[in-house]
PDB file of N, CA and C in Angstrom:
ATOM      1  N   UNK A   1      10.397-196.341 -51.863  1.00  0.00           N
ATOM      2  CA  UNK A   1       9.472-196.762 -50.835  1.00  0.00           C
ATOM      3  C   UNK A   1      10.274-197.517 -49.771  1.00  0.00           C
ATOM      4  N   UNK A   2       9.941-197.286 -48.504  1.00  0.00           N
ATOM      5  CA  UNK A   2      10.623-197.985 -47.413  1.00  0.00           C
ATOM      6  C   UNK A   2       9.599-198.615 -46.473  1.00  0.00           C
ATOM      7  N   UNK A   3      10.023-199.650 -45.784  1.00  0.00           N
ATOM      8  CA  UNK A   3       9.184-200.297 -44.782  1.00  0.00           C
ATOM      9  C   UNK A   3       8.857-199.278 -43.691  1.00  0.00           C
ATOM     10  N   UNK A   4       7.606-199.199 -43.330  1.00  0.00           N
ATOM     11  CA  UNK A   4       7.159-198.249 -42.324  1.00  0.00           C
ATOM     12  C   UNK A   4       7.297-198.786 -40.904  1.00  0.00           C
ATOM     13  N   UNK A   5       8.154-199.798 -40.765  1.00  0.00           N
ATOM     14  CA  UNK A   5       8.493-200.333 -39.448  1.00  0.00           C
ATOM     15  C   UNK A   5       9.995-200.253 -39.215  1.00  0.00           C
ATOM     16  N   UNK A   6      10.794-200.638 -40.254  1.00  0.00           N
ATOM     17  CA  UNK A   6      12.248-200.717 -40.064  1.00  0.00           C
ATOM     18  C   UNK A   6      13.056-199.871 -41.041  1.00  0.00           C
ATOM     19  N   UNK A   7      12.404-199.272 -42.016  1.00  0.00           N
ATOM     20  CA  UNK A   7      13.032-198.417 -43.037  1.00  0.00           C
ATOM     21  C   UNK A   7      13.808-199.187 -44.102  1.00  0.00           C
ATOM     22  N   UNK A   8      13.604-200.497 -44.185  1.00  0.00           N
ATOM     23  CA  UNK A   8      14.225-201.268 -45.261  1.00  0.00           C
ATOM     24  C   UNK A   8      13.649-200.815 -46.594  1.00  0.00           C
ATOM     25  N   UNK A   9      14.503-200.635 -47.612  1.00  0.00           N
ATOM     26  CA  UNK A   9      13.985-200.285 -48.936  1.00  0.00           C
ATOM     27  C   UNK A   9      13.088-201.397 -49.488  1.00  0.00           C
ATOM     28  N   UNK A  10      11.958-201.010 -50.044  1.00  0.00           N
ATOM     29  CA  UNK A  10      11.027-201.955 -50.654  1.00  0.00           C
ATOM     30  C   UNK A  10      11.110-201.761 -52.161  1.00  0.00           C
ATOM     31  N   UNK A  11      11.864-202.635 -52.800  1.00  0.00           N
ATOM     32  CA  UNK A  11      12.148-202.486 -54.228  1.00  0.00           C
ATOM     33  C   UNK A  11      11.598-203.665 -55.019  1.00  0.00           C
ATOM     34  N   UNK A  12      12.000-204.855 -54.634  1.00  0.00           N
ATOM     35  CA  UNK A  12      11.615-206.076 -55.345  1.00  0.00           C
ATOM     36  C   UNK A  12      10.371-206.688 -54.722  1.00  0.00           C
ATOM     37  N   UNK A  13       9.598-207.445 -55.496  1.00  0.00           N
ATOM     38  CA  UNK A  13       8.373-208.044 -54.960  1.00  0.00           C
ATOM     39  C   UNK A  13       8.604-208.855 -53.687  1.00  0.00           C
ATOM     40  N   UNK A  14       9.748-209.534 -53.606  1.00  0.00           N
ATOM     41  CA  UNK A  14      10.018-210.360 -52.426  1.00  0.00           C
ATOM     42  C   UNK A  14      10.367-209.545 -51.186  1.00  0.00           C
ATOM     43  N   UNK A  15      10.582-208.259 -51.336  1.00  0.00           N
ATOM     44  CA  UNK A  15      10.886-207.386 -50.191  1.00  0.00           C
ATOM     45  C   UNK A  15       9.650-207.103 -49.339  1.00  0.00           C
ATOM     46  N   UNK A  16       8.487-207.158 -49.947  1.00  0.00           N
ATOM     47  CA  UNK A  16       7.249-206.750 -49.284  1.00  0.00           C
ATOM     48  C   UNK A  16       6.688-207.826 -48.363  1.00  0.00           C
ATOM     49  N   UNK A  17       6.015-207.381 -47.307  1.00  0.00           N
ATOM     50  CA  UNK A  17       5.316-208.284 -46.413  1.00  0.00           C
ATOM     51  C   UNK A  17       4.095-208.866 -47.103  1.00  0.00           C
ATOM     52  N   UNK A  18       3.461-209.836 -46.438  1.00  0.00           N
ATOM     53  CA  UNK A  18       2.311-210.525 -47.018  1.00  0.00           C
ATOM     54  C   UNK A  18       1.103-210.402 -46.087  1.00  0.00           C
ATOM     55  N   UNK A  19      -0.034-210.037 -46.678  1.00  0.00           N
ATOM     56  CA  UNK A  19      -1.296-209.942 -45.949  1.00  0.00           C
ATOM     57  C   UNK A  19      -1.898-211.331 -45.743  1.00  0.00           C
ATOM     58  N   UNK A  20      -2.936-211.433 -44.915  1.00  0.00           N
ATOM     59  CA  UNK A  20      -3.564-212.734 -44.639  1.00  0.00           C
ATOM     60  C   UNK A  20      -4.129-213.385 -45.889  1.00  0.00           C
ATOM     61  N   UNK A  21      -4.549-212.592 -46.864  1.00  0.00           N
ATOM     62  CA  UNK A  21      -5.108-213.153 -48.097  1.00  0.00           C
ATOM     63  C   UNK A  21      -4.028-213.506 -49.125  1.00  0.00           C
ATOM     64  N   UNK A  22      -2.760-213.357 -48.741  1.00  0.00           N
ATOM     65  CA  UNK A  22      -1.660-213.691 -49.645  1.00  0.00           C
ATOM     66  C   UNK A  22      -1.208-212.543 -50.524  1.00  0.00           C
ATOM     67  N   UNK A  23      -1.902-211.420 -50.458  1.00  0.00           N
ATOM     68  CA  UNK A  23      -1.515-210.264 -51.268  1.00  0.00           C
ATOM     69  C   UNK A  23      -0.317-209.551 -50.637  1.00  0.00           C
ATOM     70  N   UNK A  24       0.337-208.786 -51.461  1.00  0.00           N
ATOM     71  CA  UNK A  24       1.517-208.039 -51.027  1.00  0.00           C
ATOM     72  C   UNK A  24       1.104-206.851 -50.156  1.00  0.00           C
ATOM     73  N   UNK A  25       1.794-206.664 -49.046  1.00  0.00           N
ATOM     74  CA  UNK A  25       1.545-205.509 -48.196  1.00  0.00           C
ATOM     75  C   UNK A  25       2.490-204.395 -48.645  1.00  0.00           C
ATOM     76  N   UNK A  26       1.973-203.276 -49.049  1.00  0.00           N
ATOM     77  CA  UNK A  26       2.767-202.181 -49.608  1.00  0.00           C
ATOM     78  C   UNK A  26       3.425-201.294 -48.560  1.00  0.00           C
ATOM     79  N   UNK A  27       3.144-201.551 -47.290  1.00  0.00           N
ATOM     80  CA  UNK A  27       3.634-200.677 -46.229  1.00  0.00           C
ATOM     81  C   UNK A  27       4.815-201.265 -45.447  1.00  0.00           C
ATOM     82  N   UNK A  28       4.872-202.603 -45.348  1.00  0.00           N
ATOM     83  CA  UNK A  28       5.863-203.257 -44.498  1.00  0.00           C
ATOM     84  C   UNK A  28       6.644-204.333 -45.252  1.00  0.00           C
ATOM     85  N   UNK A  29       7.881-204.561 -44.812  1.00  0.00           N
ATOM     86  CA  UNK A  29       8.740-205.565 -45.443  1.00  0.00           C
ATOM     87  C   UNK A  29       8.417-206.972 -44.925  1.00  0.00           C
ATOM     88  N   UNK A  30       9.000-207.960 -45.600  1.00  0.00           N
ATOM     89  CA  UNK A  30       8.762-209.354 -45.222  1.00  0.00           C
ATOM     90  C   UNK A  30       9.411-209.738 -43.892  1.00  0.00           C
ATOM     91  N   UNK A  31      10.394-208.983 -43.431  1.00  0.00           N
ATOM     92  CA  UNK A  31      10.989-209.251 -42.119  1.00  0.00           C
ATOM     93  C   UNK A  31      10.059-208.789 -40.992  1.00  0.00           C
ATOM     94  N   UNK A  32       9.325-207.727 -41.242  1.00  0.00           N
ATOM     95  CA  UNK A  32       8.471-207.115 -40.209  1.00  0.00           C
ATOM     96  C   UNK A  32       7.025-207.596 -40.238  1.00  0.00           C
ATOM     97  N   UNK A  33       6.570-208.086 -41.406  1.00  0.00           N
ATOM     98  CA  UNK A  33       5.139-208.360 -41.561  1.00  0.00           C
ATOM     99  C   UNK A  33       4.930-209.642 -42.364  1.00  0.00           C
ATOM    100  N   UNK A  34       4.289-210.649 -41.739  1.00  0.00           N
ATOM    101  CA  UNK A  34       4.004-211.927 -42.403  1.00  0.00           C
ATOM    102  C   UNK A  34       2.606-212.385 -42.035  1.00  0.00           C
ATOM    103  N   UNK A  35       1.916-212.948 -43.022  1.00  0.00           N
ATOM    104  CA  UNK A  35       0.573-213.494 -42.804  1.00  0.00           C
ATOM    105  C   UNK A  35      -0.362-212.495 -42.138  1.00  0.00           C
ATOM    106  N   UNK A  36      -0.222-211.225 -42.507  1.00  0.00           N
ATOM    107  CA  UNK A  36      -1.129-210.195 -42.025  1.00  0.00           C
ATOM    108  C   UNK A  36      -0.847-209.661 -40.638  1.00  0.00           C
ATOM    109  N   UNK A  37       0.337-209.954 -40.105  1.00  0.00           N
ATOM    110  CA  UNK A  37       0.650-209.492 -38.750  1.00  0.00           C
ATOM    111  C   UNK A  37       2.130-209.151 -38.626  1.00  0.00           C
ATOM    112  N   UNK A  38       2.439-208.312 -37.661  1.00  0.00           N
ATOM    113  CA  UNK A  38       3.838-207.996 -37.386  1.00  0.00           C
ATOM    114  C   UNK A  38       4.540-209.239 -36.849  1.00  0.00           C
ATOM    115  N   UNK A  39       5.784-209.427 -37.227  1.00  0.00           N
ATOM    116  CA  UNK A  39       6.546-210.588 -36.768  1.00  0.00           C
ATOM    117  C   UNK A  39       7.004-210.420 -35.323  1.00  0.00           C
ATOM    118  N   UNK A  40       7.060-209.211 -34.864  1.00  0.00           N
ATOM    119  CA  UNK A  40       7.430-208.931 -33.464  1.00  0.00           C
ATOM    120  C   UNK A  40       6.386-207.947 -32.934  1.00  0.00           C
ATOM    121  N   UNK A  41       5.159-208.443 -32.710  1.00  0.00           N
ATOM    122  CA  UNK A  41       4.018-207.557 -32.450  1.00  0.00           C
ATOM    123  C   UNK A  41       4.063-206.737 -31.165  1.00  0.00           C
ATOM    124  N   UNK A  42       4.742-207.233 -30.161  1.00  0.00           N
ATOM    125  CA  UNK A  42       4.723-206.537 -28.871  1.00  0.00           C
ATOM    126  C   UNK A  42       5.971-205.698 -28.625  1.00  0.00           C
ATOM    127  N   UNK A  43       6.795-205.568 -29.634  1.00  0.00           N
ATOM    128  CA  UNK A  43       8.038-204.799 -29.478  1.00  0.00           C
ATOM    129  C   UNK A  43       7.732-203.320 -29.268  1.00  0.00           C
ATOM    130  N   UNK A  44       8.478-202.734 -28.371  1.00  0.00           N
ATOM    131  CA  UNK A  44       8.396-201.287 -28.199  1.00  0.00           C
ATOM    132  C   UNK A  44       9.373-200.653 -29.190  1.00  0.00           C
ATOM    133  N   UNK A  45       9.276-199.382 -29.375  1.00  0.00           N
ATOM    134  CA  UNK A  45      10.203-198.673 -30.250  1.00  0.00           C
ATOM    135  C   UNK A  45      11.637-198.850 -29.761  1.00  0.00           C
ATOM    136  N   UNK A  46      11.853-198.757 -28.459  1.00  0.00           N
ATOM    137  CA  UNK A  46      13.207-198.926 -27.908  1.00  0.00           C
ATOM    138  C   UNK A  46      13.743-200.335 -28.152  1.00  0.00           C
ATOM    139  N   UNK A  47      12.909-201.346 -27.964  1.00  0.00           N
ATOM    140  CA  UNK A  47      13.344-202.727 -28.210  1.00  0.00           C
ATOM    141  C   UNK A  47      13.680-202.944 -29.678  1.00  0.00           C
ATOM    142  N   UNK A  48      12.835-202.410 -30.542  1.00  0.00           N
ATOM    143  CA  UNK A  48      13.053-202.572 -31.973  1.00  0.00           C
ATOM    144  C   UNK A  48      14.320-201.831 -32.406  1.00  0.00           C
ATOM    145  N   UNK A  49      14.530-200.650 -31.879  1.00  0.00           N
ATOM    146  CA  UNK A  49      15.743-199.871 -32.171  1.00  0.00           C
ATOM    147  C   UNK A  49      16.977-200.657 -31.766  1.00  0.00           C
ATOM    148  N   UNK A  50      16.963-201.220 -30.567  1.00  0.00           N
ATOM    149  CA  UNK A  50      18.094-202.021 -30.091  1.00  0.00           C
ATOM    150  C   UNK A  50      18.345-203.226 -30.996  1.00  0.00           C
ATOM    151  N   UNK A  51      17.279-203.872 -31.435  1.00  0.00           N
ATOM    152  CA  UNK A  51      17.395-205.038 -32.322  1.00  0.00           C
ATOM    153  C   UNK A  51      18.075-204.635 -33.634  1.00  0.00           C
ATOM    154  N   UNK A  52      17.654-203.525 -34.213  1.00  0.00           N
ATOM    155  CA  UNK A  52      18.238-203.078 -35.476  1.00  0.00           C
ATOM    156  C   UNK A  52      19.701-202.673 -35.308  1.00  0.00           C
ATOM    157  N   UNK A  53      20.026-202.070 -34.198  1.00  0.00           N
ATOM    158  CA  UNK A  53      21.417-201.674 -33.936  1.00  0.00           C
ATOM    159  C   UNK A  53      22.301-202.920 -33.839  1.00  0.00           C
ATOM    160  N   UNK A  54      21.796-203.969 -33.188  1.00  0.00           N
ATOM    161  CA  UNK A  54      22.565-205.220 -33.077  1.00  0.00           C
ATOM    162  C   UNK A  54      22.766-205.871 -34.442  1.00  0.00           C
ATOM    163  N   UNK A  55      21.833-205.678 -35.364  1.00  0.00           N
ATOM    164  CA  UNK A  55      21.939-206.247 -36.705  1.00  0.00           C
ATOM    165  C   UNK A  55      22.895-205.463 -37.594  1.00  0.00           C
ATOM    166  N   UNK A  56      23.282-204.290 -37.181  1.00  0.00           N
ATOM    167  CA  UNK A  56      24.127-203.406 -37.998  1.00  0.00           C
ATOM    168  C   UNK A  56      25.426-204.074 -38.420  1.00  0.00           C
ATOM    169  N   UNK A  57      25.987-204.844 -37.522  1.00  0.00           N
ATOM    170  CA  UNK A  57      27.233-205.553 -37.795  1.00  0.00           C
ATOM    171  C   UNK A  57      27.131-206.396 -39.066  1.00  0.00           C
ATOM    172  N   UNK A  58      26.025-207.099 -39.205  1.00  0.00           N
ATOM    173  CA  UNK A  58      25.798-207.980 -40.352  1.00  0.00           C
ATOM    174  C   UNK A  58      25.649-207.205 -41.652  1.00  0.00           C
ATOM    175  N   UNK A  59      25.280-205.950 -41.541  1.00  0.00           N
ATOM    176  CA  UNK A  59      25.067-205.121 -42.727  1.00  0.00           C
ATOM    177  C   UNK A  59      26.279-204.242 -43.032  1.00  0.00           C
ATOM    178  N   UNK A  60      27.364-204.433 -42.265  1.00  0.00           N
ATOM    179  CA  UNK A  60      28.574-203.658 -42.509  1.00  0.00           C
ATOM    180  C   UNK A  60      28.492-202.223 -42.018  1.00  0.00           C
ATOM    181  N   UNK A  61      27.667-201.986 -41.047  1.00  0.00           N
ATOM    182  CA  UNK A  61      27.476-200.643 -40.505  1.00  0.00           C
ATOM    183  C   UNK A  61      27.960-200.625 -39.059  1.00  0.00           C
ATOM    184  N   UNK A  62      28.590-199.561 -38.647  1.00  0.00           N
ATOM    185  CA  UNK A  62      29.027-199.475 -37.254  1.00  0.00           C
ATOM    186  C   UNK A  62      27.810-199.300 -36.351  1.00  0.00           C
ATOM    187  N   UNK A  63      27.953-199.698 -35.097  1.00  0.00           N
ATOM    188  CA  UNK A  63      26.824-199.560 -34.170  1.00  0.00           C
ATOM    189  C   UNK A  63      26.496-198.089 -33.929  1.00  0.00           C
ATOM    190  N   UNK A  64      27.507-197.225 -33.980  1.00  0.00           N
ATOM    191  CA  UNK A  64      27.265-195.786 -33.810  1.00  0.00           C
ATOM    192  C   UNK A  64      26.427-195.238 -34.966  1.00  0.00           C
ATOM    193  N   UNK A  65      26.809-195.639 -36.166  1.00  0.00           N
ATOM    194  CA  UNK A  65      26.087-195.206 -37.369  1.00  0.00           C
ATOM    195  C   UNK A  65      24.646-195.731 -37.344  1.00  0.00           C
ATOM    196  N   UNK A  66      24.486-197.002 -36.994  1.00  0.00           N
ATOM    197  CA  UNK A  66      23.159-197.615 -36.928  1.00  0.00           C
ATOM    198  C   UNK A  66      22.303-196.972 -35.849  1.00  0.00           C
ATOM    199  N   UNK A  67      22.903-196.685 -34.714  1.00  0.00           N
ATOM    200  CA  UNK A  67      22.178-196.060 -33.612  1.00  0.00           C
ATOM    201  C   UNK A  67      21.649-194.692 -34.024  1.00  0.00           C
ATOM    202  N   UNK A  68      22.498-193.901 -34.634  1.00  0.00           N
ATOM    203  CA  UNK A  68      22.097-192.560 -35.078  1.00  0.00           C
ATOM    204  C   UNK A  68      20.943-192.656 -36.076  1.00  0.00           C
ATOM    205  N   UNK A  69      21.093-193.538 -37.067  1.00  0.00           N
ATOM    206  CA  UNK A  69      20.063-193.690 -38.086  1.00  0.00           C
ATOM    207  C   UNK A  69      18.747-194.185 -37.470  1.00  0.00           C
ATOM    208  N   UNK A  70      18.830-195.226 -36.640  1.00  0.00           N
ATOM    209  CA  UNK A  70      17.622-195.797 -36.044  1.00  0.00           C
ATOM    210  C   UNK A  70      16.891-194.785 -35.172  1.00  0.00           C
ATOM    211  N   UNK A  71      17.607-194.056 -34.372  1.00  0.00           N
ATOM    212  CA  UNK A  71      16.975-193.098 -33.459  1.00  0.00           C
ATOM    213  C   UNK A  71      16.390-191.879 -34.187  1.00  0.00           C
ATOM    214  N   UNK A  72      16.923-191.587 -35.377  1.00  0.00           N
ATOM    215  CA  UNK A  72      16.392-190.473 -36.165  1.00  0.00           C
ATOM    216  C   UNK A  72      15.244-190.897 -37.071  1.00  0.00           C
ATOM    217  N   UNK A  73      15.344-192.098 -37.647  1.00  0.00           N
ATOM    218  CA  UNK A  73      14.380-192.513 -38.667  1.00  0.00           C
ATOM    219  C   UNK A  73      13.182-193.275 -38.098  1.00  0.00           C
ATOM    220  N   UNK A  74      13.422-194.254 -37.241  1.00  0.00           N
ATOM    221  CA  UNK A  74      12.316-195.104 -36.782  1.00  0.00           C
ATOM    222  C   UNK A  74      11.133-194.328 -36.197  1.00  0.00           C
ATOM    223  N   UNK A  75      11.350-193.337 -35.341  1.00  0.00           N
ATOM    224  CA  UNK A  75      10.194-192.628 -34.776  1.00  0.00           C
ATOM    225  C   UNK A  75       9.321-191.909 -35.812  1.00  0.00           C
ATOM    226  N   UNK A  76       9.818-191.718 -37.023  1.00  0.00           N
ATOM    227  CA  UNK A  76       9.043-191.035 -38.058  1.00  0.00           C
ATOM    228  C   UNK A  76       8.181-192.000 -38.873  1.00  0.00           C
ATOM    229  N   UNK A  77       8.379-193.309 -38.697  1.00  0.00           N
ATOM    230  CA  UNK A  77       7.673-194.310 -39.491  1.00  0.00           C
ATOM    231  C   UNK A  77       6.302-194.610 -38.909  1.00  0.00           C
ATOM    232  N   UNK A  78       5.377-195.008 -39.778  1.00  0.00           N
ATOM    233  CA  UNK A  78       3.970-195.208 -39.399  1.00  0.00           C
ATOM    234  C   UNK A  78       3.786-196.117 -38.187  1.00  0.00           C
ATOM    235  N   UNK A  79       4.536-197.213 -38.127  1.00  0.00           N
ATOM    236  CA  UNK A  79       4.346-198.142 -37.010  1.00  0.00           C
ATOM    237  C   UNK A  79       4.667-197.505 -35.662  1.00  0.00           C
ATOM    238  N   UNK A  80       5.573-196.566 -35.625  1.00  0.00           N
ATOM    239  CA  UNK A  80       6.057-196.035 -34.358  1.00  0.00           C
ATOM    240  C   UNK A  80       5.519-194.655 -34.010  1.00  0.00           C
ATOM    241  N   UNK A  81       4.697-194.083 -34.856  1.00  0.00           N
ATOM    242  CA  UNK A  81       4.132-192.767 -34.535  1.00  0.00           C
ATOM    243  C   UNK A  81       2.982-192.879 -33.581  1.00  0.00           C
TER     244      UNK A  81
END
């Protein structure tokens, strides 16, 4: 299962976002979804893609690799369709 906003793998309970009632959100990760709302609610797909590409360095991924992945995967996810 992956986050339908950023494609982060959702494996452990702490990976999942939280709904307003405190329950686990099965669709989005904790980076993208907190207290029942997106953490960056007004982001466009292009802005979000750029943000993820900039984070690639921290994850040990080249910006070229991250760019290719983000541009191929993000548009297929529920939040961005």
